[in-house]
PDB file of N, CA and C in Angstrom:
ATOM      1  N   MET A   1      92.684  -8.052  24.000  1.00  0.00           N
ATOM      2  CA  MET A   1      91.474  -7.338  23.678  1.00  0.00           C
ATOM      3  C   MET A   1      90.494  -8.290  23.007  1.00  0.00           C
ATOM      4  N   ARG A   2      89.250  -8.189  23.440  1.00  0.00           N
ATOM      5  CA  ARG A   2      88.245  -9.101  22.913  1.00  0.00           C
ATOM      6  C   ARG A   2      87.266  -8.340  22.028  1.00  0.00           C
ATOM      7  N   VAL A   3      86.950  -8.895  20.867  1.00  0.00           N
ATOM      8  CA  VAL A   3      86.013  -8.281  19.932  1.00  0.00           C
ATOM      9  C   VAL A   3      84.777  -9.159  19.866  1.00  0.00           C
ATOM     10  N   GLU A   4      83.588  -8.536  20.043  1.00  0.00           N
ATOM     11  CA  GLU A   4      82.356  -9.314  20.003  1.00  0.00           C
ATOM     12  C   GLU A   4      81.800  -9.318  18.587  1.00  0.00           C
ATOM     13  N   SER A   5      81.139 -10.359  18.275  1.00  0.00           N
ATOM     14  CA  SER A   5      80.577 -10.524  16.935  1.00  0.00           C
ATOM     15  C   SER A   5      79.256  -9.772  16.828  1.00  0.00           C
ATOM     16  N   ASN A   6      79.009  -9.157  15.690  1.00  0.00           N
ATOM     17  CA  ASN A   6      77.747  -8.458  15.413  1.00  0.00           C
ATOM     18  C   ASN A   6      76.782  -9.336  14.627  1.00  0.00           C
ATOM     19  N   ALA A   7      76.973 -10.619  14.634  1.00  0.00           N
ATOM     20  CA  ALA A   7      76.173 -11.545  13.839  1.00  0.00           C
ATOM     21  C   ALA A   7      74.710 -11.571  14.286  1.00  0.00           C
ATOM     22  N   ASN A   8      74.413 -11.247  15.532  1.00  0.00           N
ATOM     23  CA  ASN A   8      73.044 -11.314  16.036  1.00  0.00           C
ATOM     24  C   ASN A   8      72.256 -10.025  15.818  1.00  0.00           C
ATOM     25  N   LEU A   9      72.886  -8.993  15.278  1.00  0.00           N
ATOM     26  CA  LEU A   9      72.184  -7.731  15.055  1.00  0.00           C
ATOM     27  C   LEU A   9      71.261  -7.854  13.850  1.00  0.00           C
ATOM     28  N   SER A  10      70.083  -7.322  13.981  1.00  0.00           N
ATOM     29  CA  SER A  10      69.115  -7.347  12.894  1.00  0.00           C
ATOM     30  C   SER A  10      69.044  -5.958  12.274  1.00  0.00           C
ATOM     31  N   ILE A  11      69.276  -5.883  11.000  1.00  0.00           N
ATOM     32  CA  ILE A  11      69.203  -4.607  10.292  1.00  0.00           C
ATOM     33  C   ILE A  11      67.900  -4.594   9.498  1.00  0.00           C
ATOM     34  N   PRO A  12      66.992  -3.657   9.803  1.00  0.00           N
ATOM     35  CA  PRO A  12      65.710  -3.631   9.097  1.00  0.00           C
ATOM     36  C   PRO A  12      65.885  -3.196   7.641  1.00  0.00           C
ATOM     37  N   PHE A  13      65.041  -3.733   6.795  1.00  0.00           N
ATOM     38  CA  PHE A  13      65.012  -3.311   5.397  1.00  0.00           C
ATOM     39  C   PHE A  13      63.565  -3.042   5.020  1.00  0.00           C
ATOM     40  N   ARG A  14      63.340  -2.487   3.851  1.00  0.00           N
ATOM     41  CA  ARG A  14      61.997  -2.035   3.445  1.00  0.00           C
ATOM     42  C   ARG A  14      60.931  -3.125   3.529  1.00  0.00           C
ATOM     43  N   GLY A  15      61.270  -4.337   3.242  1.00  0.00           N
ATOM     44  CA  GLY A  15      60.280  -5.410   3.225  1.00  0.00           C
ATOM     45  C   GLY A  15      59.945  -5.946   4.596  1.00  0.00           C
ATOM     46  N   ASP A  16      60.645  -5.513   5.613  1.00  0.00           N
ATOM     47  CA  ASP A  16      60.439  -6.007   6.969  1.00  0.00           C
ATOM     48  C   ASP A  16      59.185  -5.363   7.553  1.00  0.00           C
ATOM     49  N   SER A  17      58.113  -6.139   7.722  1.00  0.00           N
ATOM     50  CA  SER A  17      56.838  -5.569   8.181  1.00  0.00           C
ATOM     51  C   SER A  17      56.922  -5.049   9.613  1.00  0.00           C
ATOM     52  N   ALA A  18      57.737  -5.649  10.446  1.00  0.00           N
ATOM     53  CA  ALA A  18      57.866  -5.169  11.828  1.00  0.00           C
ATOM     54  C   ALA A  18      58.459  -3.773  11.856  1.00  0.00           C
ATOM     55  N   SER A  19      59.458  -3.521  11.014  1.00  0.00           N
ATOM     56  CA  SER A  19      60.058  -2.190  11.007  1.00  0.00           C
ATOM     57  C   SER A  19      59.101  -1.161  10.410  1.00  0.00           C
ATOM     58  N   ASN A  20      58.271  -1.560   9.453  1.00  0.00           N
ATOM     59  CA  ASN A  20      57.286  -0.636   8.869  1.00  0.00           C
ATOM     60  C   ASN A  20      56.261  -0.207   9.913  1.00  0.00           C
ATOM     61  N   LYS A  21      55.855  -1.121  10.773  1.00  0.00           N
ATOM     62  CA  LYS A  21      54.890  -0.785  11.820  1.00  0.00           C
ATOM     63  C   LYS A  21      55.504   0.211  12.801  1.00  0.00           C
ATOM     64  N   ASN A  22      56.759  -0.013  13.157  1.00  0.00           N
ATOM     65  CA  ASN A  22      57.429   0.900  14.087  1.00  0.00           C
ATOM     66  C   ASN A  22      57.598   2.277  13.471  1.00  0.00           C
ATOM     67  N   MET A  23      57.907   2.329  12.187  1.00  0.00           N
ATOM     68  CA  MET A  23      58.083   3.618  11.520  1.00  0.00           C
ATOM     69  C   MET A  23      56.751   4.354  11.444  1.00  0.00           C
ATOM     70  N   ALA A  24      55.676   3.628  11.194  1.00  0.00           N
ATOM     71  CA  ALA A  24      54.360   4.259  11.118  1.00  0.00           C
ATOM     72  C   ALA A  24      53.958   4.830  12.470  1.00  0.00           C
ATOM     73  N   ALA A  25      54.249   4.117  13.532  1.00  0.00           N
ATOM     74  CA  ALA A  25      53.904   4.608  14.861  1.00  0.00           C
ATOM     75  C   ALA A  25      54.722   5.848  15.208  1.00  0.00           C
ATOM     76  N   ALA A  26      55.933   5.910  14.762  1.00  0.00           N
ATOM     77  CA  ALA A  26      56.786   7.052  15.058  1.00  0.00           C
ATOM     78  C   ALA A  26      56.384   8.281  14.256  1.00  0.00           C
ATOM     79  N   LYS A  27      55.751   8.081  13.118  1.00  0.00           N
ATOM     80  CA  LYS A  27      55.381   9.196  12.250  1.00  0.00           C
ATOM     81  C   LYS A  27      53.890   9.505  12.334  1.00  0.00           C
ATOM     82  N   ALA A  28      53.312   9.394  13.519  1.00  0.00           N
ATOM     83  CA  ALA A  28      51.893   9.719  13.684  1.00  0.00           C
ATOM     84  C   ALA A  28      51.682  11.171  13.272  1.00  0.00           C
ATOM     85  N   ARG A  29      50.672  11.386  12.444  1.00  0.00           N
ATOM     86  CA  ARG A  29      50.437  12.729  11.913  1.00  0.00           C
ATOM     87  C   ARG A  29      49.018  13.166  12.228  1.00  0.00           C
ATOM     88  N   GLY A  30      48.803  14.464  12.127  1.00  0.00           N
ATOM     89  CA  GLY A  30      47.466  15.011  12.305  1.00  0.00           C
ATOM     90  C   GLY A  30      47.176  15.379  13.751  1.00  0.00           C
ATOM     91  N   ASN A  31      46.008  15.923  13.951  1.00  0.00           N
ATOM     92  CA  ASN A  31      45.580  16.368  15.266  1.00  0.00           C
ATOM     93  C   ASN A  31      44.855  15.220  15.966  1.00  0.00           C
ATOM     94  N   PRO A  32      45.399  14.705  17.066  1.00  0.00           N
ATOM     95  CA  PRO A  32      44.739  13.595  17.748  1.00  0.00           C
ATOM     96  C   PRO A  32      43.387  13.977  18.353  1.00  0.00           C
ATOM     97  N   ASN A  33      43.111  15.255  18.504  1.00  0.00           N
ATOM     98  CA  ASN A  33      41.837  15.697  19.079  1.00  0.00           C
ATOM     99  C   ASN A  33      40.803  16.048  18.027  1.00  0.00           C
ATOM    100  N   TRP A  34      41.118  15.807  16.759  1.00  0.00           N
ATOM    101  CA  TRP A  34      40.190  16.143  15.693  1.00  0.00           C
ATOM    102  C   TRP A  34      38.916  15.329  15.870  1.00  0.00           C
ATOM    103  N   GLY A  35      37.783  15.992  15.815  1.00  0.00           N
ATOM    104  CA  GLY A  35      36.498  15.327  15.937  1.00  0.00           C
ATOM    105  C   GLY A  35      36.000  15.182  17.360  1.00  0.00           C
ATOM    106  N   LYS A  36      36.848  15.465  18.326  1.00  0.00           N
ATOM    107  CA  LYS A  36      36.417  15.381  19.725  1.00  0.00           C
ATOM    108  C   LYS A  36      35.801  16.716  20.139  1.00  0.00           C
ATOM    109  N   ALA A  37      34.847  16.641  21.022  1.00  0.00           N
ATOM    110  CA  ALA A  37      34.207  17.855  21.514  1.00  0.00           C
ATOM    111  C   ALA A  37      35.206  18.680  22.313  1.00  0.00           C
ATOM    112  N   SER A  38      35.107  19.969  22.182  1.00  0.00           N
ATOM    113  CA  SER A  38      35.992  20.868  22.913  1.00  0.00           C
ATOM    114  C   SER A  38      35.594  20.895  24.385  1.00  0.00           C
ATOM    115  N   ALA A  39      36.578  21.059  25.238  1.00  0.00           N
ATOM    116  CA  ALA A  39      36.306  21.124  26.678  1.00  0.00           C
ATOM    117  C   ALA A  39      35.507  22.373  27.022  1.00  0.00           C
ATOM    118  N   THR A  40      35.771  23.464  26.312  1.00  0.00           N
ATOM    119  CA  THR A  40      35.016  24.700  26.544  1.00  0.00           C
ATOM    120  C   THR A  40      34.264  25.055  25.270  1.00  0.00           C
ATOM    121  N   PRO A  41      32.957  25.252  25.362  1.00  0.00           N
ATOM    122  CA  PRO A  41      32.190  25.598  24.165  1.00  0.00           C
ATOM    123  C   PRO A  41      32.555  26.990  23.655  1.00  0.00           C
ATOM    124  N   ALA A  42      32.354  27.184  22.365  1.00  0.00           N
ATOM    125  CA  ALA A  42      32.628  28.486  21.756  1.00  0.00           C
ATOM    126  C   ALA A  42      31.678  29.527  22.346  1.00  0.00           C
ATOM    127  N   PRO A  43      32.154  30.730  22.565  1.00  0.00           N
ATOM    128  CA  PRO A  43      31.282  31.766  23.135  1.00  0.00           C
ATOM    129  C   PRO A  43      30.203  32.188  22.133  1.00  0.00           C
ATOM    130  N   VAL A  44      29.068  32.550  22.654  1.00  0.00           N
ATOM    131  CA  VAL A  44      27.976  33.045  21.827  1.00  0.00           C
ATOM    132  C   VAL A  44      28.190  34.544  21.646  1.00  0.00           C
ATOM    133  N   VAL A  45      28.401  34.951  20.410  1.00  0.00           N
ATOM    134  CA  VAL A  45      28.690  36.347  20.101  1.00  0.00           C
ATOM    135  C   VAL A  45      27.552  36.885  19.241  1.00  0.00           C
ATOM    136  N   PRO A  46      27.016  38.053  19.567  1.00  0.00           N
ATOM    137  CA  PRO A  46      25.935  38.600  18.742  1.00  0.00           C
ATOM    138  C   PRO A  46      26.438  38.964  17.348  1.00  0.00           C
ATOM    139  N   THR A  47      25.541  38.873  16.361  1.00  0.00           N
ATOM    140  CA  THR A  47      25.890  39.272  15.002  1.00  0.00           C
ATOM    141  C   THR A  47      26.038  40.793  14.950  1.00  0.00           C
ATOM    142  N   SER A  48      26.604  41.282  13.864  1.00  0.00           N
ATOM    143  CA  SER A  48      26.749  42.735  13.691  1.00  0.00           C
ATOM    144  C   SER A  48      25.380  43.407  13.710  1.00  0.00           C
ATOM    145  N   PHE A  49      24.418  42.764  13.072  1.00  0.00           N
ATOM    146  CA  PHE A  49      23.057  43.305  13.038  1.00  0.00           C
ATOM    147  C   PHE A  49      22.510  43.439  14.459  1.00  0.00           C
ATOM    148  N   GLU A  50      22.661  42.388  15.251  1.00  0.00           N
ATOM    149  CA  GLU A  50      22.170  42.429  16.636  1.00  0.00           C
ATOM    150  C   GLU A  50      22.891  43.503  17.447  1.00  0.00           C
ATOM    151  N   GLY A  51      24.171  43.700  17.171  1.00  0.00           N
ATOM    152  CA  GLY A  51      24.919  44.749  17.858  1.00  0.00           C
ATOM    153  C   GLY A  51      24.389  46.131  17.543  1.00  0.00           C
ATOM    154  N   VAL A  52      24.071  46.375  16.269  1.00  0.00           N
ATOM    155  CA  VAL A  52      23.528  47.681  15.857  1.00  0.00           C
ATOM    156  C   VAL A  52      22.151  47.885  16.473  1.00  0.00           C
ATOM    157  N   VAL A  53      21.324  46.842  16.437  1.00  0.00           N
ATOM    158  CA  VAL A  53      19.975  46.934  16.999  1.00  0.00           C
ATOM    159  C   VAL A  53      20.046  47.241  18.497  1.00  0.00           C
ATOM    160  N   ASN A  54      20.964  46.568  19.204  1.00  0.00           N
ATOM    161  CA  ASN A  54      21.109  46.828  20.645  1.00  0.00           C
ATOM    162  C   ASN A  54      21.616  48.241  20.899  1.00  0.00           C
ATOM    163  N   LYS A  55      22.569  48.686  20.073  1.00  0.00           N
ATOM    164  CA  LYS A  55      23.115  50.036  20.236  1.00  0.00           C
ATOM    165  C   LYS A  55      22.033  51.099  20.015  1.00  0.00           C
ATOM    166  N   LEU A  56      21.156  50.857  19.041  1.00  0.00           N
ATOM    167  CA  LEU A  56      20.073  51.799  18.763  1.00  0.00           C
ATOM    168  C   LEU A  56      18.904  51.633  19.738  1.00  0.00           C
ATOM    169  N   GLY A  57      18.889  50.550  20.502  1.00  0.00           N
ATOM    170  CA  GLY A  57      17.818  50.316  21.474  1.00  0.00           C
ATOM    171  C   GLY A  57      16.489  49.999  20.832  1.00  0.00           C
ATOM    172  N   LEU A  58      16.521  49.243  19.739  1.00  0.00           N
ATOM    173  CA  LEU A  58      15.289  48.944  18.990  1.00  0.00           C
ATOM    174  C   LEU A  58      14.692  47.600  19.378  1.00  0.00           C
ATOM    175  N   LYS A  59      13.370  47.543  19.323  1.00  0.00           N
ATOM    176  CA  LYS A  59      12.638  46.290  19.475  1.00  0.00           C
ATOM    177  C   LYS A  59      12.323  45.787  18.067  1.00  0.00           C
ATOM    178  N   PRO A  60      12.088  44.491  17.896  1.00  0.00           N
ATOM    179  CA  PRO A  60      11.792  43.970  16.553  1.00  0.00           C
ATOM    180  C   PRO A  60      10.652  44.695  15.836  1.00  0.00           C
ATOM    181  N   SER A  61       9.671  45.156  16.572  1.00  0.00           N
ATOM    182  CA  SER A  61       8.549  45.873  15.940  1.00  0.00           C
ATOM    183  C   SER A  61       8.971  47.252  15.431  1.00  0.00           C
ATOM    184  N   GLU A  62      10.119  47.762  15.887  1.00  0.00           N
ATOM    185  CA  GLU A  62      10.588  49.088  15.485  1.00  0.00           C
ATOM    186  C   GLU A  62      11.626  49.060  14.360  1.00  0.00           C
ATOM    187  N   TYR A  63      12.078  47.871  13.966  1.00  0.00           N
ATOM    188  CA  TYR A  63      13.142  47.767  12.959  1.00  0.00           C
ATOM    189  C   TYR A  63      12.798  48.498  11.667  1.00  0.00           C
ATOM    190  N   ALA A  64      11.626  48.239  11.127  1.00  0.00           N
ATOM    191  CA  ALA A  64      11.257  48.769   9.800  1.00  0.00           C
ATOM    192  C   ALA A  64      11.099  50.285   9.798  1.00  0.00           C
ATOM    193  N   ASN A  65      10.863  50.899  10.959  1.00  0.00           N
ATOM    194  CA  ASN A  65      10.647  52.344  11.020  1.00  0.00           C
ATOM    195  C   ASN A  65      11.894  53.130  11.430  1.00  0.00           C
ATOM    196  N   SER A  66      13.041  52.471  11.516  1.00  0.00           N
ATOM    197  CA  SER A  66      14.259  53.129  11.969  1.00  0.00           C
ATOM    198  C   SER A  66      15.113  53.568  10.775  1.00  0.00           C
ATOM    199  N   PRO A  67      15.288  54.884  10.586  1.00  0.00           N
ATOM    200  CA  PRO A  67      16.121  55.347   9.472  1.00  0.00           C
ATOM    201  C   PRO A  67      17.609  55.016   9.673  1.00  0.00           C
ATOM    202  N   GLN A  68      18.064  54.993  10.924  1.00  0.00           N
ATOM    203  CA  GLN A  68      19.476  54.655  11.186  1.00  0.00           C
ATOM    204  C   GLN A  68      19.752  53.188  10.826  1.00  0.00           C
ATOM    205  N   LEU A  69      18.831  52.316  11.195  1.00  0.00           N
ATOM    206  CA  LEU A  69      18.991  50.895  10.880  1.00  0.00           C
ATOM    207  C   LEU A  69      18.902  50.673   9.376  1.00  0.00           C
ATOM    208  N   LYS A  70      17.994  51.369   8.732  1.00  0.00           N
ATOM    209  CA  LYS A  70      17.848  51.238   7.284  1.00  0.00           C
ATOM    210  C   LYS A  70      19.133  51.673   6.571  1.00  0.00           C
ATOM    211  N   ASP A  71      19.735  52.751   7.041  1.00  0.00           N
ATOM    212  CA  ASP A  71      20.988  53.219   6.453  1.00  0.00           C
ATOM    213  C   ASP A  71      22.098  52.182   6.661  1.00  0.00           C
ATOM    214  N   TRP A  72      22.186  51.607   7.869  1.00  0.00           N
ATOM    215  CA  TRP A  72      23.195  50.585   8.150  1.00  0.00           C
ATOM    216  C   TRP A  72      22.991  49.362   7.252  1.00  0.00           C
ATOM    217  N   VAL A  73      21.732  48.945   7.108  1.00  0.00           N
ATOM    218  CA  VAL A  73      21.428  47.779   6.273  1.00  0.00           C
ATOM    219  C   VAL A  73      21.781  48.068   4.815  1.00  0.00           C
ATOM    220  N   ARG A  74      21.495  49.266   4.338  1.00  0.00           N
ATOM    221  CA  ARG A  74      21.811  49.636   2.948  1.00  0.00           C
ATOM    222  C   ARG A  74      23.321  49.482   2.694  1.00  0.00           C
ATOM    223  N   LYS A  75      24.134  49.895   3.665  1.00  0.00           N
ATOM    224  CA  LYS A  75      25.596  49.845   3.508  1.00  0.00           C
ATOM    225  C   LYS A  75      26.162  48.434   3.696  1.00  0.00           C
ATOM    226  N   ASN A  76      25.502  47.609   4.513  1.00  0.00           N
ATOM    227  CA  ASN A  76      26.077  46.323   4.913  1.00  0.00           C
ATOM    228  C   ASN A  76      25.293  45.094   4.458  1.00  0.00           C
ATOM    229  N   ARG A  77      24.268  45.252   3.645  1.00  0.00           N
ATOM    230  CA  ARG A  77      23.404  44.128   3.299  1.00  0.00           C
ATOM    231  C   ARG A  77      24.130  43.007   2.548  1.00  0.00           C
ATOM    232  N   ASN A  78      25.222  43.334   1.853  1.00  0.00           N
ATOM    233  CA  ASN A  78      25.941  42.309   1.092  1.00  0.00           C
ATOM    234  C   ASN A  78      27.022  41.595   1.900  1.00  0.00           C
ATOM    235  N   SER A  79      27.387  42.130   3.056  1.00  0.00           N
ATOM    236  CA  SER A  79      28.481  41.534   3.805  1.00  0.00           C
ATOM    237  C   SER A  79      28.130  41.126   5.235  1.00  0.00           C
ATOM    238  N   LYS A  80      26.982  41.529   5.728  1.00  0.00           N
ATOM    239  CA  LYS A  80      26.576  41.206   7.107  1.00  0.00           C
ATOM    240  C   LYS A  80      25.211  40.528   7.095  1.00  0.00           C
ATOM    241  N   PHE A  81      24.912  39.825   8.185  1.00  0.00           N
ATOM    242  CA  PHE A  81      23.606  39.203   8.316  1.00  0.00           C
ATOM    243  C   PHE A  81      22.532  40.267   8.524  1.00  0.00           C
ATOM    244  N   VAL A  82      21.466  40.151   7.726  1.00  0.00           N
ATOM    245  CA  VAL A  82      20.281  41.000   7.889  1.00  0.00           C
ATOM    246  C   VAL A  82      19.074  40.076   7.704  1.00  0.00           C
ATOM    247  N   PRO A  83      18.091  40.120   8.606  1.00  0.00           N
ATOM    248  CA  PRO A  83      16.918  39.256   8.460  1.00  0.00           C
ATOM    249  C   PRO A  83      16.231  39.458   7.104  1.00  0.00           C
ATOM    250  N   GLN A  84      15.854  38.345   6.491  1.00  0.00           N
ATOM    251  CA  GLN A  84      15.253  38.364   5.165  1.00  0.00           C
ATOM    252  C   GLN A  84      13.986  39.209   5.113  1.00  0.00           C
ATOM    253  N   ASP A  85      13.138  39.126   6.134  1.00  0.00           N
ATOM    254  CA  ASP A  85      11.885  39.894   6.115  1.00  0.00           C
ATOM    255  C   ASP A  85      12.140  41.402   6.154  1.00  0.00           C
ATOM    256  N   LEU A  86      13.223  41.819   6.772  1.00  0.00           N
ATOM    257  CA  LEU A  86      13.561  43.239   6.798  1.00  0.00           C
ATOM    258  C   LEU A  86      14.055  43.701   5.424  1.00  0.00           C
ATOM    259  N   LEU A  87      14.852  42.859   4.767  1.00  0.00           N
ATOM    260  CA  LEU A  87      15.289  43.181   3.399  1.00  0.00           C
ATOM    261  C   LEU A  87      14.086  43.307   2.467  1.00  0.00           C
ATOM    262  N   GLU A  88      13.141  42.415   2.618  1.00  0.00           N
ATOM    263  CA  GLU A  88      11.939  42.454   1.790  1.00  0.00           C
ATOM    264  C   GLU A  88      11.079  43.682   2.107  1.00  0.00           C
ATOM    265  N   ALA A  89      10.974  44.056   3.377  1.00  0.00           N
ATOM    266  CA  ALA A  89      10.171  45.217   3.764  1.00  0.00           C
ATOM    267  C   ALA A  89      10.731  46.496   3.145  1.00  0.00           C
ATOM    268  N   TRP A  90      12.053  46.590   3.039  1.00  0.00           N
ATOM    269  CA  TRP A  90      12.678  47.771   2.452  1.00  0.00           C
ATOM    270  C   TRP A  90      13.011  47.594   0.970  1.00  0.00           C
ATOM    271  N   GLU A  91      12.635  46.439   0.436  1.00  0.00           N
ATOM    272  CA  GLU A  91      12.859  46.115  -0.984  1.00  0.00           C
ATOM    273  C   GLU A  91      14.336  46.233  -1.377  1.00  0.00           C
ATOM    274  N   PHE A  92      15.208  45.733  -0.497  1.00  0.00           N
ATOM    275  CA  PHE A  92      16.643  45.711  -0.776  1.00  0.00           C
ATOM    276  C   PHE A  92      17.001  44.377  -1.420  1.00  0.00           C
ATOM    277  N   GLU A  93      17.826  44.432  -2.434  1.00  0.00           N
ATOM    278  CA  GLU A  93      18.330  43.232  -3.092  1.00  0.00           C
ATOM    279  C   GLU A  93      19.736  42.957  -2.559  1.00  0.00           C
ATOM    280  N   VAL A  94      20.058  41.697  -2.418  1.00  0.00           N
ATOM    281  CA  VAL A  94      21.395  41.310  -1.947  1.00  0.00           C
ATOM    282  C   VAL A  94      22.160  40.738  -3.120  1.00  0.00           C
ATOM    283  N   ASP A  95      23.392  41.215  -3.309  1.00  0.00           N
ATOM    284  CA  ASP A  95      24.274  40.705  -4.352  1.00  0.00           C
ATOM    285  C   ASP A  95      24.971  39.473  -3.792  1.00  0.00           C
ATOM    286  N   ALA A  96      24.536  38.283  -4.213  1.00  0.00           N
ATOM    287  CA  ALA A  96      25.075  37.031  -3.673  1.00  0.00           C
ATOM    288  C   ALA A  96      26.544  36.819  -4.036  1.00  0.00           C
ATOM    289  N   GLY A  97      27.015  37.413  -5.111  1.00  0.00           N
ATOM    290  CA  GLY A  97      28.400  37.233  -5.524  1.00  0.00           C
ATOM    291  C   GLY A  97      29.351  38.238  -4.931  1.00  0.00           C
ATOM    292  N   PHE A  98      28.904  39.014  -3.994  1.00  0.00           N
ATOM    293  CA  PHE A  98      29.726  40.088  -3.422  1.00  0.00           C
ATOM    294  C   PHE A  98      30.919  39.557  -2.716  1.00  0.00           C
TER     295      PHE A  98
END
């Protein structure tokens, strides 16, 4: 029976820069696509305000005279987008810390 010598084997240790490079390559972390443009753009979705306006069938010139829209804005002004000029027309204050 013949036994071969292990004298030619290299055992890596912490100070070995070649082994550190290999370990770093094996432990690649993070999202490789971070910062790259998406293949499909995000869909354009109307805001809640625009949804209510469309549901009520209002034109921009009719916003200030709509009691239904005014009621919706009163209930949602702190949590949903509402155009600033409409808030001012109805003298509604927005609680920024809400």
